[in-house]
Amino acid sequence: MPRVDTHREPMPKLEPSARRETFEEVAVGYEQATAEHEASRCILCPRQPCVGGCPVGVDIPQFVKALREKDMPAAVRILKSKNSLPGICGRVCPQESQCERQCVIGKLGAPIAIGRLERYVADWEMAHGPVAAAAPTSSQPSGKRVAVVGSGPAGLTASADLAKSGHQVTIFESLHTPGGVLAYGIPEFRLPQRIVKTEVEYVCSLGVEMRLNWVVGKTITIDEILSDGYQAVFLGTGAGLPQFLNLPGENYGGIYSSNEFLTRINLMKAYLFPSYRTPINIGQVVAVIGGGNVAMDSARCALRSGAREVYLVYRRSRTEMPAREEEIENALEEGVIFKLLTNPRKFLGNDQGQVTGMECVEMELGEPDQSGRRRPVVKPGSEFVMKVDTVVVAVGTTPHPLVPSTTPGLTVSAHGTIAADEGSGQTTRPAVWAGGDATTGSATVISAMGAGRRAAAAIDHYLRKGTGG
């Protein structure tokens, strides 16, 4: 066996001191020589465990092989045959817990930087123009129509796969901009909107029709869609309903849900004020409550929006944080102050109704709970007050009830998620499938894409066996 290179090429990044002043993308990306060297580390092992770790089944060794052989069009074609959103996935997917975790090289040292190579290939195509036949469509249109509700990662993936299979696909998107959480939830410095725009345009280039400002459940119902000649519906409506802590004083001004905070900054361009006249008041001292990627995004946005101090308040330790390690490191580098093993008890405010502080308690870690993480318990006599003038609550989201409440026969769980078969996405309503955060609650972009692919395959089978009308 040849000598294995266990050294991983680092991702070039903007300097932390400069990052606090700009929403420009933090990760710069690999140069050609760096990407080719990283690709050369892959031993092209025959078992290909990395493929099994990819929720959308990308043929990772083959696209990596094409890259290191300098055949970039082939790398693009291989990658996009299974993944219609590689520029997005290469930036925001947790490869370290999926494909890279299965990498054989990772057992000896650092795994192949699969996500960074995916990003490099996607960016190469964006710089050099579309690669012909990157994703061939069916030569014979099926004559079947499919409606997709939501243009987030699940909806875009399902739409692309269905269009490649020859079906006529229409996406109904409630917002004025496509992309779902990709557009409103992930900051520009982590996922530039030009990347989202380009990959949405690619999906539309497959023949997918995009209808914006259509609020399914109000503008039109699922029953009306099915009565209008669509033979199948896929629900990729996401989990855009914020969760709160239900603590005293949570209605004070200056307390945002992470959804509102990030939507104002990302989708409504508050960070470009006054060019975009979106109001958002960020005080000098900001507390973000939570420990996931959304909490990191919120804290880093607050820093870039003028806050003097930003605290990340999390009730467990760093070890239990669900956020990606690289996002935790980026936040620390940029100056976010971690207030760990800390939990708010109530919010304090002034006579004008504005938040002025949080009464908190210190926590200790006990036995593991159902999540496998050690359960935080209150340390007696540890109460203290944090003075803050802005709070962002980033403790999770749930699906919005609008579509289920207006769709007879569509079952939801006690948590508000749409009940659907895990393998196929089939719901309890005939001719209706669902996938992504709408069925699981808030999860990752790539897991939503995997659900979109599985549902698209099931819908294609349903339509082709003649059941679809």
Protein backbone atom coordinates (compact mmCIF):
# COMPACT_ATOMS: atom_id res chain seq x y z
CA MET A 1 0.00 0.00 0.00
CA PRO A 2 1.44 3.43 -0.92
CA ARG A 3 2.24 5.93 1.77
CA VAL A 4 -0.90 7.75 2.88
CA ASP A 5 -0.85 11.54 3.22
CA THR A 6 -2.74 12.26 6.45
CA HIS A 7 -2.27 16.05 6.33
CA ARG A 8 -5.43 17.92 5.35
CA GLU A 9 -5.22 21.17 3.42
CA PRO A 10 -6.59 23.96 5.64
CA MET A 11 -9.36 26.23 4.39
CA PRO A 12 -8.08 29.79 3.78
CA LYS A 13 -10.18 32.34 5.70
CA LEU A 14 -10.44 36.07 6.16
CA GLU A 15 -8.61 37.35 9.21
CA PRO A 16 -10.83 37.53 12.33
CA SER A 17 -10.13 41.24 12.82
CA ALA A 18 -11.49 41.97 9.34
CA ARG A 19 -14.48 39.62 9.61
CA ARG A 20 -16.26 41.65 12.28
CA GLU A 21 -16.53 44.55 9.86
CA THR A 22 -17.95 42.75 6.84
CA PHE A 23 -20.55 40.25 5.68
CA GLU A 24 -18.16 38.93 3.01
CA GLU A 25 -17.73 35.17 2.94
CA VAL A 26 -15.36 34.01 5.69
CA ALA A 27 -14.05 30.87 3.97
CA VAL A 28 -12.13 31.93 0.86
CA GLY A 29 -12.02 28.52 -0.84
CA TYR A 30 -9.22 26.40 -2.27
CA GLU A 31 -6.96 27.46 -5.10
CA GLN A 32 -6.48 24.97 -7.95
CA ALA A 33 -3.17 23.57 -6.69
CA THR A 34 -4.53 23.19 -3.16
CA ALA A 35 -7.67 21.41 -4.37
CA GLU A 36 -5.68 19.06 -6.57
CA HIS A 37 -3.30 18.23 -3.73
CA GLU A 38 -6.19 17.53 -1.37
CA ALA A 39 -7.84 15.35 -4.02
CA SER A 40 -4.56 13.43 -4.46
CA ARG A 41 -4.83 12.25 -0.85
CA CYS A 42 -7.84 10.09 -1.71
CA ILE A 43 -6.84 6.43 -2.14
CA LEU A 44 -9.99 5.64 -4.18
CA CYS A 45 -10.76 2.69 -1.94
CA PRO A 46 -13.03 0.11 -3.56
CA ARG A 47 -15.53 -0.08 -0.67
CA GLN A 48 -16.31 3.65 -0.93
CA PRO A 49 -17.72 4.09 2.59
CA CYS A 50 -17.90 7.85 2.03
CA VAL A 51 -20.68 7.32 -0.54
CA GLY A 52 -22.74 5.50 2.07
CA GLY A 53 -22.26 8.45 4.41
CA CYS A 54 -23.71 10.91 1.88
CA PRO A 55 -27.49 11.39 2.26
CA VAL A 56 -27.86 12.02 -1.49
CA GLY A 57 -25.44 9.29 -2.63
CA VAL A 58 -22.82 11.37 -4.48
CA ASP A 59 -20.13 9.22 -6.15
CA ILE A 60 -17.41 10.91 -4.14
CA PRO A 61 -14.33 8.93 -5.26
CA GLN A 62 -15.16 9.45 -8.92
CA PHE A 63 -15.66 13.22 -8.75
CA VAL A 64 -12.49 13.51 -6.64
CA LYS A 65 -10.60 11.39 -9.17
CA ALA A 66 -11.79 13.59 -12.06
CA LEU A 67 -10.72 16.70 -10.14
CA ARG A 68 -7.19 15.49 -9.54
CA GLU A 69 -6.93 14.45 -13.18
CA LYS A 70 -7.85 18.04 -14.09
CA ASP A 71 -11.02 16.91 -15.87
CA MET A 72 -13.27 19.52 -14.28
CA PRO A 73 -16.27 19.08 -16.61
CA ALA A 74 -16.36 15.39 -15.66
CA ALA A 75 -16.10 16.28 -11.97
CA VAL A 76 -19.09 18.62 -12.36
CA ARG A 77 -21.15 16.03 -14.22
CA ILE A 78 -20.46 13.30 -11.65
CA LEU A 79 -21.22 15.59 -8.73
CA LYS A 80 -24.41 17.09 -10.14
CA SER A 81 -25.81 13.76 -11.27
CA LYS A 82 -26.77 13.23 -7.62
CA ASN A 83 -26.53 16.69 -6.03
CA SER A 84 -28.23 19.66 -7.70
CA LEU A 85 -26.97 22.10 -5.04
CA PRO A 86 -23.23 21.39 -4.66
CA GLY A 87 -22.16 25.00 -4.07
CA ILE A 88 -24.58 25.17 -1.15
CA CYS A 89 -23.70 21.75 0.27
CA GLY A 90 -19.98 22.41 -0.01
CA ARG A 91 -20.44 25.37 2.32
CA VAL A 92 -23.06 24.46 4.91
CA CYS A 93 -23.35 20.67 5.13
CA PRO A 94 -21.81 18.91 8.17
CA GLN A 95 -19.54 16.62 6.17
CA GLU A 96 -17.54 15.89 9.30
CA SER A 97 -20.46 13.86 10.68
CA GLN A 98 -21.44 12.25 7.37
CA CYS A 99 -19.24 11.43 4.34
CA GLU A 100 -15.96 12.54 5.90
CA ARG A 101 -16.70 10.57 9.04
CA GLN A 102 -16.67 7.40 6.92
CA CYS A 103 -13.41 8.27 5.12
CA VAL A 104 -10.77 5.52 5.44
CA ILE A 105 -7.98 8.13 5.59
CA GLY A 106 -9.73 9.59 8.62
CA LYS A 107 -8.86 6.48 10.60
CA LEU A 108 -5.17 7.31 10.17
CA GLY A 109 -5.28 11.10 10.32
CA ALA A 110 -7.40 13.88 8.86
CA PRO A 111 -10.12 12.69 6.44
CA ILE A 112 -10.28 13.96 2.86
CA ALA A 113 -11.87 17.44 2.79
CA ILE A 114 -14.80 16.23 0.70
CA GLY A 115 -16.96 19.26 1.39
CA ARG A 116 -14.23 21.71 0.41
CA LEU A 117 -13.58 19.80 -2.81
CA GLU A 118 -17.31 19.79 -3.57
CA ARG A 119 -17.34 23.55 -3.12
CA TYR A 120 -14.28 23.92 -5.37
CA VAL A 121 -15.92 21.96 -8.21
CA ALA A 122 -19.19 23.90 -7.89
CA ASP A 123 -17.38 27.24 -7.85
CA TRP A 124 -15.30 26.20 -10.87
CA GLU A 125 -18.49 25.67 -12.87
CA MET A 126 -19.90 29.01 -11.72
CA ALA A 127 -16.71 30.72 -12.87
CA HIS A 128 -16.40 28.89 -16.22
CA GLY A 129 -20.04 28.52 -17.24
CA PRO A 130 -22.51 25.62 -17.15
CA VAL A 131 -21.18 22.20 -18.06
CA ALA A 132 -23.21 20.53 -20.80
CA ALA A 133 -25.18 17.47 -19.75
CA ALA A 134 -24.27 17.98 -16.11
CA ALA A 135 -27.69 16.59 -15.31
CA PRO A 136 -29.40 15.04 -18.32
CA THR A 137 -33.19 15.06 -18.28
CA SER A 138 -35.46 12.32 -19.52
CA SER A 139 -35.71 12.34 -23.32
CA GLN A 140 -39.44 11.58 -23.11
CA PRO A 141 -41.71 13.94 -21.13
CA SER A 142 -44.07 11.93 -18.95
CA GLY A 143 -47.03 14.25 -19.33
CA LYS A 144 -47.45 14.24 -15.54
CA ARG A 145 -47.57 17.39 -13.40
CA VAL A 146 -46.13 17.64 -9.89
CA ALA A 147 -46.56 20.53 -7.46
CA VAL A 148 -43.78 21.19 -4.95
CA VAL A 149 -44.60 23.38 -1.97
CA GLY A 150 -41.54 25.27 -0.72
CA SER A 151 -38.26 26.11 -2.44
CA GLY A 152 -35.89 25.15 0.35
CA PRO A 153 -33.33 22.34 0.04
CA ALA A 154 -35.94 19.54 0.12
CA GLY A 155 -38.20 21.21 -2.44
CA LEU A 156 -35.39 22.17 -4.81
CA THR A 157 -33.89 18.68 -4.72
CA ALA A 158 -37.22 16.94 -5.27
CA SER A 159 -38.03 19.34 -8.11
CA ALA A 160 -34.70 18.77 -9.87
CA ASP A 161 -34.95 14.99 -9.66
CA LEU A 162 -38.56 14.98 -10.87
CA ALA A 163 -37.72 17.30 -13.76
CA LYS A 164 -34.80 15.06 -14.76
CA SER A 165 -37.29 12.19 -14.85
CA GLY A 166 -39.41 14.05 -17.39
CA HIS A 167 -42.19 15.37 -15.17
CA GLN A 168 -43.56 18.91 -15.34
CA VAL A 169 -42.80 20.53 -11.99
CA THR A 170 -44.12 23.74 -10.44
CA ILE A 171 -42.74 25.12 -7.16
CA PHE A 172 -45.09 27.20 -5.01
CA GLU A 173 -43.01 29.47 -2.76
CA SER A 174 -44.61 31.74 -0.14
CA LEU A 175 -41.82 34.34 -0.05
CA HIS A 176 -40.76 36.82 -2.73
CA THR A 177 -37.35 35.13 -3.02
CA PRO A 178 -36.71 31.41 -3.61
CA GLY A 179 -34.45 29.31 -1.41
CA GLY A 180 -36.38 28.88 1.83
CA VAL A 181 -34.03 28.66 4.79
CA LEU A 182 -31.10 29.02 2.38
CA ALA A 183 -32.29 32.57 1.68
CA TYR A 184 -33.61 33.74 5.02
CA GLY A 185 -31.75 31.68 7.59
CA ILE A 186 -28.07 31.46 6.64
CA PRO A 187 -25.92 34.63 6.67
CA GLU A 188 -24.11 35.99 3.64
CA PHE A 189 -20.71 35.41 5.28
CA ARG A 190 -21.43 31.68 5.41
CA LEU A 191 -23.56 31.20 2.28
CA PRO A 192 -23.46 34.07 -0.25
CA GLN A 193 -26.84 34.64 -1.88
CA ARG A 194 -25.23 34.64 -5.32
CA ILE A 195 -24.55 30.93 -4.75
CA VAL A 196 -28.17 30.26 -3.81
CA LYS A 197 -29.40 32.29 -6.79
CA THR A 198 -27.15 30.40 -9.21
CA GLU A 199 -28.21 26.99 -7.98
CA VAL A 200 -31.91 27.91 -7.95
CA GLU A 201 -31.47 29.06 -11.56
CA TYR A 202 -29.92 25.69 -12.38
CA VAL A 203 -32.96 23.88 -11.00
CA CYS A 204 -35.25 26.16 -13.02
CA SER A 205 -33.13 25.51 -16.13
CA LEU A 206 -34.24 21.87 -15.94
CA GLY A 207 -37.75 23.07 -16.77
CA VAL A 208 -39.03 23.72 -13.25
CA GLU A 209 -41.51 26.61 -12.96
CA MET A 210 -41.11 28.86 -9.91
CA ARG A 211 -44.20 30.67 -8.57
CA LEU A 212 -43.29 33.19 -5.86
CA ASN A 213 -45.64 34.83 -3.33
CA TRP A 214 -47.95 31.79 -3.29
CA VAL A 215 -48.92 30.99 0.30
CA VAL A 216 -50.25 27.44 0.08
CA GLY A 217 -53.05 27.15 2.59
CA LYS A 218 -54.19 30.71 1.86
CA THR A 219 -53.52 31.68 -1.77
CA ILE A 220 -54.31 28.14 -2.83
CA THR A 221 -54.94 24.87 -1.00
CA ILE A 222 -53.59 21.38 -1.61
CA ASP A 223 -57.07 20.28 -2.68
CA GLU A 224 -57.19 23.08 -5.25
CA ILE A 225 -53.73 22.16 -6.55
CA LEU A 226 -54.78 18.54 -7.06
CA SER A 227 -58.02 19.68 -8.71
CA ASP A 228 -56.02 21.87 -11.08
CA GLY A 229 -54.44 18.94 -12.91
CA TYR A 230 -51.46 18.08 -10.72
CA GLN A 231 -51.15 14.34 -10.14
CA ALA A 232 -48.84 14.57 -7.10
CA VAL A 233 -47.72 17.07 -4.46
CA PHE A 234 -44.49 17.23 -2.47
CA LEU A 235 -44.49 19.27 0.75
CA GLY A 236 -41.10 20.77 1.55
CA THR A 237 -42.46 23.53 3.77
CA GLY A 238 -39.61 23.47 6.30
CA ALA A 239 -39.74 24.41 9.97
CA GLY A 240 -40.08 28.18 10.06
CA LEU A 241 -42.10 28.62 13.24
CA PRO A 242 -39.87 29.89 16.07
CA GLN A 243 -39.80 28.40 19.53
CA PHE A 244 -39.57 30.59 22.61
CA LEU A 245 -38.56 30.00 26.21
CA ASN A 246 -41.91 31.08 27.73
CA LEU A 247 -40.14 33.02 30.46
CA PRO A 248 -41.42 36.11 32.28
CA GLY A 249 -40.64 39.30 30.36
CA GLU A 250 -40.09 37.58 27.01
CA ASN A 251 -42.36 40.13 25.32
CA TYR A 252 -40.07 43.09 26.07
CA GLY A 253 -38.88 45.06 23.06
CA GLY A 254 -35.41 44.12 21.90
CA ILE A 255 -36.06 40.37 22.24
CA TYR A 256 -36.08 38.62 18.87
CA SER A 257 -36.61 35.08 17.73
CA SER A 258 -33.66 33.91 15.66
CA ASN A 259 -36.07 33.56 12.70
CA GLU A 260 -37.04 37.22 12.75
CA PHE A 261 -33.51 38.39 13.51
CA LEU A 262 -31.88 36.42 10.68
CA THR A 263 -34.71 37.09 8.21
CA ARG A 264 -34.37 40.84 8.73
CA ILE A 265 -30.61 40.66 8.27
CA ASN A 266 -30.36 38.08 5.47
CA LEU A 267 -33.50 38.18 3.36
CA MET A 268 -34.44 41.81 4.00
CA LYS A 269 -30.82 43.04 3.84
CA ALA A 270 -30.78 44.95 7.13
CA TYR A 271 -26.98 44.67 7.08
CA LEU A 272 -26.98 46.97 4.01
CA PHE A 273 -28.96 49.76 5.69
CA PRO A 274 -29.65 52.47 4.54
CA SER A 275 -29.50 51.08 0.98
CA TYR A 276 -32.17 48.63 2.20
CA ARG A 277 -34.51 50.30 4.67
CA THR A 278 -35.10 47.30 6.93
CA PRO A 279 -35.21 48.33 10.59
CA ILE A 280 -33.33 46.31 13.15
CA ASN A 281 -32.15 47.72 16.45
CA ILE A 282 -29.04 46.05 17.79
CA GLY A 283 -27.80 47.36 21.09
CA GLN A 284 -24.31 47.51 22.46
CA VAL A 285 -24.63 44.28 24.47
CA VAL A 286 -26.38 41.31 22.85
CA ALA A 287 -27.19 37.91 24.33
CA VAL A 288 -27.93 34.98 22.02
CA ILE A 289 -29.54 32.02 23.76
CA GLY A 290 -28.74 28.61 22.26
CA GLY A 291 -25.83 26.43 21.14
CA GLY A 292 -26.61 25.37 17.58
CA ASN A 293 -25.59 26.69 14.18
CA VAL A 294 -28.46 29.18 14.21
CA ALA A 295 -27.23 30.59 17.50
CA MET A 296 -23.70 30.95 16.06
CA ASP A 297 -25.10 32.66 12.97
CA SER A 298 -27.13 35.06 15.11
CA ALA A 299 -24.20 35.93 17.36
CA ARG A 300 -21.85 36.54 14.43
CA CYS A 301 -24.48 38.69 12.67
CA ALA A 302 -24.90 40.77 15.82
CA LEU A 303 -21.15 41.44 15.93
CA ARG A 304 -21.13 42.53 12.30
CA SER A 305 -24.15 44.76 12.88
CA GLY A 306 -22.45 46.97 15.45
CA ALA A 307 -22.74 45.29 18.85
CA ARG A 308 -19.86 46.00 21.22
CA GLU A 309 -20.21 42.71 23.10
CA VAL A 310 -22.05 39.53 22.10
CA TYR A 311 -22.64 36.73 24.58
CA LEU A 312 -23.56 33.17 23.60
CA VAL A 313 -25.63 31.86 26.51
CA TYR A 314 -25.85 28.05 26.57
CA ARG A 315 -27.04 25.81 29.38
CA ARG A 316 -24.57 22.98 28.72
CA SER A 317 -20.81 22.91 28.11
CA ARG A 318 -19.00 23.35 24.80
CA THR A 319 -18.72 19.56 24.46
CA GLU A 320 -22.51 19.25 24.19
CA MET A 321 -22.98 22.09 21.70
CA PRO A 322 -24.81 20.87 18.56
CA ALA A 323 -23.19 23.52 16.34
CA ARG A 324 -20.46 22.54 13.87
CA GLU A 325 -16.99 22.80 15.38
CA GLU A 326 -15.78 25.14 12.63
CA GLU A 327 -18.67 27.54 13.33
CA ILE A 328 -17.87 27.48 17.06
CA GLU A 329 -14.23 28.24 16.27
CA ASN A 330 -15.18 31.05 13.88
CA ALA A 331 -17.44 32.63 16.49
CA LEU A 332 -14.71 32.51 19.14
CA GLU A 333 -12.13 33.92 16.73
CA GLU A 334 -14.43 36.83 15.96
CA GLY A 335 -14.93 37.69 19.61
CA VAL A 336 -18.21 36.08 20.64
CA ILE A 337 -18.08 35.53 24.41
CA PHE A 338 -19.31 32.10 25.44
CA LYS A 339 -21.34 32.08 28.67
CA LEU A 340 -21.58 28.32 29.15
CA LEU A 341 -23.47 26.35 31.80
CA THR A 342 -25.79 29.33 32.07
CA ASN A 343 -29.57 29.50 31.70
CA PRO A 344 -31.93 32.52 31.74
CA ARG A 345 -34.82 32.51 34.25
CA LYS A 346 -36.56 35.76 33.35
CA PHE A 347 -36.08 38.96 31.38
CA LEU A 348 -35.89 42.41 32.92
CA GLY A 349 -37.02 45.65 31.31
CA ASN A 350 -37.54 49.39 31.75
CA ASP A 351 -40.63 51.62 31.83
CA GLN A 352 -40.45 51.99 28.03
CA GLY A 353 -40.92 48.24 27.63
CA GLN A 354 -37.36 47.54 26.44
CA VAL A 355 -35.24 44.66 27.69
CA THR A 356 -32.42 45.70 30.02
CA GLY A 357 -31.18 42.40 31.42
CA MET A 358 -31.61 38.70 32.08
CA GLU A 359 -31.80 36.98 35.42
CA CYS A 360 -29.76 33.79 34.97
CA VAL A 361 -28.60 30.78 36.95
CA GLU A 362 -25.48 28.69 36.65
CA MET A 363 -25.88 25.04 35.68
CA GLU A 364 -24.13 21.75 36.40
CA LEU A 365 -24.19 18.66 34.20
CA GLY A 366 -25.97 15.58 35.52
CA GLU A 367 -26.84 12.26 33.91
CA PRO A 368 -27.42 11.98 30.14
CA ASP A 369 -30.95 12.69 28.88
CA GLN A 370 -32.79 11.26 25.85
CA SER A 371 -30.53 13.19 23.48
CA GLY A 372 -27.47 11.43 24.91
CA ARG A 373 -26.11 14.70 26.28
CA ARG A 374 -25.66 15.27 30.02
CA ARG A 375 -28.72 16.95 31.48
CA PRO A 376 -28.14 20.43 32.92
CA VAL A 377 -29.34 21.02 36.49
CA VAL A 378 -29.45 24.29 38.40
CA LYS A 379 -26.57 25.07 40.75
CA PRO A 380 -28.22 26.23 44.01
CA GLY A 381 -27.67 29.86 44.98
CA SER A 382 -26.08 30.77 41.62
CA GLU A 383 -28.52 33.46 40.50
CA PHE A 384 -27.06 36.55 38.80
CA VAL A 385 -28.15 39.30 36.37
CA MET A 386 -26.68 39.93 32.93
CA LYS A 387 -27.17 43.47 31.65
CA VAL A 388 -28.15 43.34 27.96
CA ASP A 389 -30.12 45.50 25.57
CA THR A 390 -30.79 42.94 22.81
CA VAL A 391 -31.65 39.24 23.10
CA VAL A 392 -31.94 36.65 20.33
CA VAL A 393 -33.70 33.40 21.24
CA ALA A 394 -32.21 30.59 19.12
CA VAL A 395 -33.56 27.43 20.74
CA GLY A 396 -35.15 25.72 17.74
CA THR A 397 -38.05 25.85 15.33
CA THR A 398 -41.10 23.78 14.42
CA PRO A 399 -43.15 23.42 11.22
CA HIS A 400 -45.88 25.98 10.56
CA PRO A 401 -49.39 24.49 10.89
CA LEU A 402 -50.93 26.32 7.91
CA VAL A 403 -50.67 23.56 5.29
CA PRO A 404 -51.69 20.66 7.58
CA SER A 405 -54.60 22.67 9.01
CA THR A 406 -56.00 23.31 5.51
CA THR A 407 -55.39 19.82 4.11
CA PRO A 408 -57.99 17.22 5.17
CA GLY A 409 -56.53 13.77 5.75
CA LEU A 410 -52.98 14.99 6.40
CA THR A 411 -51.81 13.67 9.77
CA VAL A 412 -49.34 15.53 11.97
CA SER A 413 -47.43 14.40 15.05
CA ALA A 414 -47.73 15.80 18.55
CA HIS A 415 -44.76 18.05 17.69
CA GLY A 416 -46.48 19.47 14.61
CA THR A 417 -44.39 17.59 12.05
CA ILE A 418 -46.12 16.04 9.04
CA ALA A 419 -46.42 12.27 9.41
CA ALA A 420 -44.62 10.66 6.46
CA ASP A 421 -42.94 7.36 5.68
CA GLU A 422 -39.20 7.76 6.32
CA GLY A 423 -38.22 5.82 3.22
CA SER A 424 -40.62 7.27 0.65
CA GLY A 425 -42.04 10.44 2.16
CA GLN A 426 -45.60 9.21 1.57
CA THR A 427 -48.06 10.99 3.86
CA THR A 428 -51.48 9.86 5.08
CA ARG A 429 -53.07 11.88 2.29
CA PRO A 430 -53.19 10.11 -1.12
CA ALA A 431 -50.97 11.68 -3.82
CA VAL A 432 -49.16 13.82 -1.22
CA TRP A 433 -45.54 13.33 -0.09
CA ALA A 434 -43.44 15.34 2.35
CA GLY A 435 -39.83 15.58 3.45
CA GLY A 436 -37.19 17.68 5.15
CA ASP A 437 -37.74 19.80 8.24
CA ALA A 438 -41.53 19.67 7.73
CA THR A 439 -41.37 16.00 8.73
CA THR A 440 -38.41 15.91 11.13
CA GLY A 441 -38.29 19.34 12.71
CA SER A 442 -35.24 21.53 12.28
CA ALA A 443 -32.34 19.49 10.86
CA THR A 444 -29.55 19.86 8.27
CA VAL A 445 -29.68 21.03 4.66
CA ILE A 446 -28.29 17.74 3.35
CA SER A 447 -30.73 15.59 5.33
CA ALA A 448 -33.58 17.61 3.80
CA MET A 449 -32.07 17.07 0.37
CA GLY A 450 -31.84 13.34 1.00
CA ALA A 451 -35.53 13.29 1.92
CA GLY A 452 -36.33 15.23 -1.26
CA ARG A 453 -34.47 12.66 -3.37
CA ARG A 454 -36.22 9.71 -1.76
CA ALA A 455 -39.63 11.31 -2.16
CA ALA A 456 -38.93 12.21 -5.80
CA ALA A 457 -38.08 8.56 -6.53
CA ALA A 458 -41.30 7.44 -4.85
CA ILE A 459 -43.38 10.02 -6.75
CA ASP A 460 -41.76 9.00 -10.05
CA HIS A 461 -42.63 5.37 -9.37
CA TYR A 462 -46.21 6.32 -8.43
CA LEU A 463 -46.69 8.36 -11.61
CA ARG A 464 -45.12 5.80 -13.95
CA LYS A 465 -47.07 2.83 -12.70
CA GLY A 466 -50.24 4.64 -13.79
CA THR A 467 -51.66 5.57 -10.38
CA GLY A 468 -50.99 9.26 -10.99
CA GLY A 469 -53.95 9.78 -13.32
